N, C-alpha and C. Protein backbone atom coordinates (compact mmCIF):
# COMPACT_ATOMS: atom_id res chain seq x y z
N UNK A 1 0.83 -1.20 0.00
CA UNK A 1 0.00 0.00 0.00
C UNK A 1 0.87 1.26 0.00
N UNK A 2 1.94 1.22 0.77
CA UNK A 2 2.84 2.37 0.83
C UNK A 2 3.46 2.65 -0.53
N UNK A 3 3.79 1.60 -1.25
CA UNK A 3 4.39 1.78 -2.57
C UNK A 3 3.40 2.44 -3.54
N UNK A 4 2.15 2.07 -3.46
CA UNK A 4 1.12 2.68 -4.31
C UNK A 4 1.00 4.17 -4.01
N UNK A 5 0.98 4.52 -2.73
CA UNK A 5 0.90 5.93 -2.34
C UNK A 5 2.15 6.69 -2.79
N UNK A 6 3.32 6.09 -2.59
CA UNK A 6 4.55 6.75 -3.02
C UNK A 6 4.56 6.98 -4.53
N UNK A 7 4.08 5.99 -5.31
CA UNK A 7 4.00 6.15 -6.76
C UNK A 7 3.03 7.27 -7.13
N UNK A 8 1.89 7.33 -6.44
CA UNK A 8 0.90 8.37 -6.72
C UNK A 8 1.45 9.75 -6.39
N UNK A 9 2.15 9.87 -5.28
CA UNK A 9 2.74 11.15 -4.89
C UNK A 9 3.82 11.55 -5.90
N UNK A 10 4.64 10.61 -6.29
CA UNK A 10 5.70 10.90 -7.26
C UNK A 10 5.11 11.33 -8.59
N UNK A 11 4.04 10.66 -9.03
CA UNK A 11 3.38 11.03 -10.28
C UNK A 11 2.79 12.44 -10.19
N UNK A 12 2.15 12.74 -9.06
CA UNK A 12 1.58 14.06 -8.85
C UNK A 12 2.67 15.14 -8.87
N UNK A 13 3.76 14.90 -8.18
CA UNK A 13 4.86 15.87 -8.15
C UNK A 13 5.45 16.08 -9.54
N UNK A 14 5.57 15.01 -10.30
CA UNK A 14 6.10 15.09 -11.66
C UNK A 14 5.18 15.95 -12.53
N UNK A 15 3.88 15.68 -12.46
CA UNK A 15 2.91 16.47 -13.24
C UNK A 15 2.91 17.92 -12.79
N UNK A 16 2.97 18.15 -11.50
CA UNK A 16 2.99 19.51 -10.96
C UNK A 16 4.22 20.27 -11.44
N UNK A 17 5.38 19.62 -11.43
CA UNK A 17 6.62 20.24 -11.89
C UNK A 17 6.48 20.71 -13.33
N UNK A 18 6.01 19.82 -14.22
CA UNK A 18 5.92 20.18 -15.63
C UNK A 18 4.82 21.21 -15.90
N UNK A 19 3.78 21.19 -15.09
CA UNK A 19 2.75 22.22 -15.22
C UNK A 19 3.34 23.59 -14.89
N UNK A 20 4.13 23.66 -13.82
CA UNK A 20 4.77 24.92 -13.44
C UNK A 20 5.76 25.38 -14.50
N UNK A 21 6.53 24.45 -15.06
CA UNK A 21 7.47 24.80 -16.12
C UNK A 21 6.72 25.38 -17.31
N UNK A 22 5.65 24.72 -17.73
CA UNK A 22 4.87 25.21 -18.87
C UNK A 22 4.27 26.58 -18.60
N UNK A 23 3.77 26.80 -17.39
CA UNK A 23 3.22 28.11 -17.04
C UNK A 23 4.30 29.19 -17.08
N UNK A 24 5.50 28.87 -16.59
CA UNK A 24 6.59 29.84 -16.61
C UNK A 24 7.03 30.16 -18.04
N UNK A 25 7.07 29.15 -18.90
CA UNK A 25 7.44 29.38 -20.30
C UNK A 25 6.40 30.27 -20.96
N UNK A 26 5.12 29.95 -20.76
CA UNK A 26 4.05 30.77 -21.35
C UNK A 26 4.11 32.20 -20.83
N UNK A 27 4.39 32.38 -19.55
CA UNK A 27 4.48 33.72 -18.96
C UNK A 27 5.65 34.49 -19.57
N UNK A 28 6.78 33.82 -19.74
CA UNK A 28 7.94 34.47 -20.35
C UNK A 28 7.63 34.88 -21.78
N UNK A 29 7.01 33.99 -22.54
CA UNK A 29 6.65 34.31 -23.93
C UNK A 29 5.72 35.52 -23.98
N UNK A 30 4.78 35.59 -23.06
CA UNK A 30 3.79 36.65 -23.06
C UNK A 30 4.36 37.97 -22.53
N UNK A 31 5.09 37.91 -21.41
CA UNK A 31 5.53 39.12 -20.73
C UNK A 31 6.90 39.62 -21.18
N UNK A 32 7.72 38.76 -21.75
CA UNK A 32 9.07 39.16 -22.15
C UNK A 32 9.42 38.55 -23.51
N UNK A 33 8.73 38.99 -24.57
CA UNK A 33 8.98 38.40 -25.89
C UNK A 33 10.44 38.60 -26.36
N UNK A 34 11.06 39.70 -25.94
CA UNK A 34 12.46 39.93 -26.32
C UNK A 34 13.37 38.91 -25.62
N UNK A 35 13.13 38.67 -24.35
CA UNK A 35 13.90 37.67 -23.62
C UNK A 35 13.69 36.28 -24.19
N UNK A 36 12.45 35.98 -24.61
CA UNK A 36 12.16 34.68 -25.21
C UNK A 36 12.91 34.53 -26.54
N UNK A 37 12.93 35.59 -27.33
CA UNK A 37 13.67 35.55 -28.60
C UNK A 37 15.17 35.36 -28.34
N UNK A 38 15.70 36.01 -27.31
CA UNK A 38 17.10 35.81 -26.95
C UNK A 38 17.36 34.36 -26.56
N UNK A 39 16.44 33.80 -25.79
CA UNK A 39 16.58 32.39 -25.39
C UNK A 39 16.61 31.47 -26.61
N UNK A 40 15.69 31.69 -27.54
CA UNK A 40 15.64 30.85 -28.74
C UNK A 40 16.91 30.99 -29.57
N UNK A 41 17.43 32.22 -29.67
CA UNK A 41 18.67 32.44 -30.43
C UNK A 41 19.84 31.73 -29.76
N UNK A 42 19.93 31.83 -28.44
CA UNK A 42 21.01 31.15 -27.72
C UNK A 42 20.88 29.64 -27.82
N UNK A 43 19.65 29.16 -27.75
CA UNK A 43 19.41 27.72 -27.87
C UNK A 43 19.87 27.21 -29.23
N UNK A 44 19.60 27.99 -30.27
CA UNK A 44 20.03 27.60 -31.61
C UNK A 44 21.55 27.59 -31.73
N UNK A 45 22.21 28.54 -31.05
CA UNK A 45 23.67 28.54 -31.06
C UNK A 45 24.25 27.28 -30.42
N UNK A 46 23.61 26.84 -29.34
CA UNK A 46 24.10 25.68 -28.61
C UNK A 46 23.74 24.38 -29.33
N UNK A 47 22.48 24.25 -29.73
CA UNK A 47 22.00 23.00 -30.31
C UNK A 47 22.07 22.95 -31.83
N UNK A 48 22.29 24.11 -32.45
CA UNK A 48 22.26 24.16 -33.91
C UNK A 48 20.85 24.41 -34.38
N UNK A 49 20.71 24.72 -35.66
CA UNK A 49 19.37 25.02 -36.18
C UNK A 49 18.48 23.77 -36.16
N UNK A 50 17.21 24.01 -36.07
CA UNK A 50 16.26 22.91 -36.10
C UNK A 50 16.24 22.30 -37.49
N UNK A 51 16.03 21.01 -37.59
CA UNK A 51 15.99 20.39 -38.91
C UNK A 51 14.84 20.96 -39.74
N UNK A 52 15.06 21.07 -41.04
CA UNK A 52 14.04 21.64 -41.91
C UNK A 52 12.90 20.66 -42.14
N UNK A 53 13.18 19.39 -42.03
CA UNK A 53 12.12 18.41 -42.22
C UNK A 53 12.23 17.35 -41.13
N UNK A 54 11.15 16.68 -40.93
CA UNK A 54 11.13 15.61 -39.94
C UNK A 54 11.16 14.28 -40.67
N UNK A 55 11.93 13.37 -40.13
CA UNK A 55 11.97 12.04 -40.71
C UNK A 55 10.95 11.18 -39.98
N UNK A 56 10.12 10.50 -40.76
CA UNK A 56 9.15 9.60 -40.16
C UNK A 56 9.28 8.24 -40.84
N UNK A 57 8.71 7.25 -40.22
CA UNK A 57 8.75 5.90 -40.78
C UNK A 57 8.02 5.90 -42.13
N UNK A 58 8.55 5.17 -43.10
CA UNK A 58 7.94 5.16 -44.44
C UNK A 58 6.46 4.79 -44.43
N UNK A 59 6.05 3.90 -43.54
CA UNK A 59 4.64 3.51 -43.53
C UNK A 59 3.71 4.63 -43.07
N UNK A 60 4.27 5.68 -42.47
CA UNK A 60 3.46 6.81 -42.02
C UNK A 60 3.45 7.95 -43.03
N UNK A 61 4.31 7.91 -44.04
CA UNK A 61 4.37 8.99 -45.02
C UNK A 61 3.02 9.15 -45.71
N UNK A 62 2.60 10.39 -45.81
CA UNK A 62 1.31 10.70 -46.42
C UNK A 62 0.15 10.62 -45.45
N UNK A 63 0.36 10.03 -44.30
CA UNK A 63 -0.71 9.91 -43.31
C UNK A 63 -0.60 10.95 -42.22
N UNK A 64 0.58 11.53 -42.06
CA UNK A 64 0.83 12.49 -40.99
C UNK A 64 1.11 13.85 -41.61
N UNK A 65 0.41 14.87 -41.12
CA UNK A 65 0.67 16.24 -41.54
C UNK A 65 1.11 17.03 -40.32
N UNK A 66 2.31 17.56 -40.37
CA UNK A 66 2.83 18.34 -39.25
C UNK A 66 2.22 19.74 -39.29
N UNK A 67 2.07 20.38 -38.13
CA UNK A 67 1.41 21.69 -38.07
C UNK A 67 1.99 22.72 -39.04
N UNK A 68 3.31 22.73 -39.19
CA UNK A 68 3.90 23.73 -40.07
C UNK A 68 3.66 23.44 -41.55
N UNK A 69 3.18 22.23 -41.86
CA UNK A 69 2.90 21.87 -43.24
C UNK A 69 1.45 22.14 -43.63
N UNK A 70 0.60 22.38 -42.64
CA UNK A 70 -0.82 22.60 -42.93
C UNK A 70 -1.02 23.98 -43.55
N UNK A 71 -2.00 24.07 -44.40
CA UNK A 71 -2.38 25.37 -44.94
C UNK A 71 -3.90 25.47 -44.87
N UNK A 72 -4.43 26.59 -45.34
CA UNK A 72 -5.86 26.83 -45.23
C UNK A 72 -6.67 25.86 -46.08
N UNK A 73 -6.10 25.35 -47.18
CA UNK A 73 -6.84 24.48 -48.07
C UNK A 73 -6.86 23.05 -47.59
N UNK A 74 -5.97 22.68 -46.69
CA UNK A 74 -5.89 21.31 -46.18
C UNK A 74 -6.47 21.29 -44.78
N UNK A 75 -7.71 20.86 -44.66
CA UNK A 75 -8.39 20.90 -43.37
C UNK A 75 -8.07 19.69 -42.50
N UNK A 76 -7.27 18.77 -42.95
CA UNK A 76 -6.95 17.56 -42.22
C UNK A 76 -6.14 17.79 -41.03
């Protein structure tokens, strides 16, 4: 029983942590767009530019549309 409670508490803390991180990121984007742009620029310097395309398994090609590939004419 103790293990079940410990797992539940750990899961709750994990979810709470990521909820707070997401709220902080959203707040930074909203309240400090210049700081957010600086962060993205620095991140790109460290990690390199994001790939221009995503590689997916061949059996999924044509079935998946990524958000940046959607346009107004493709309602899928």
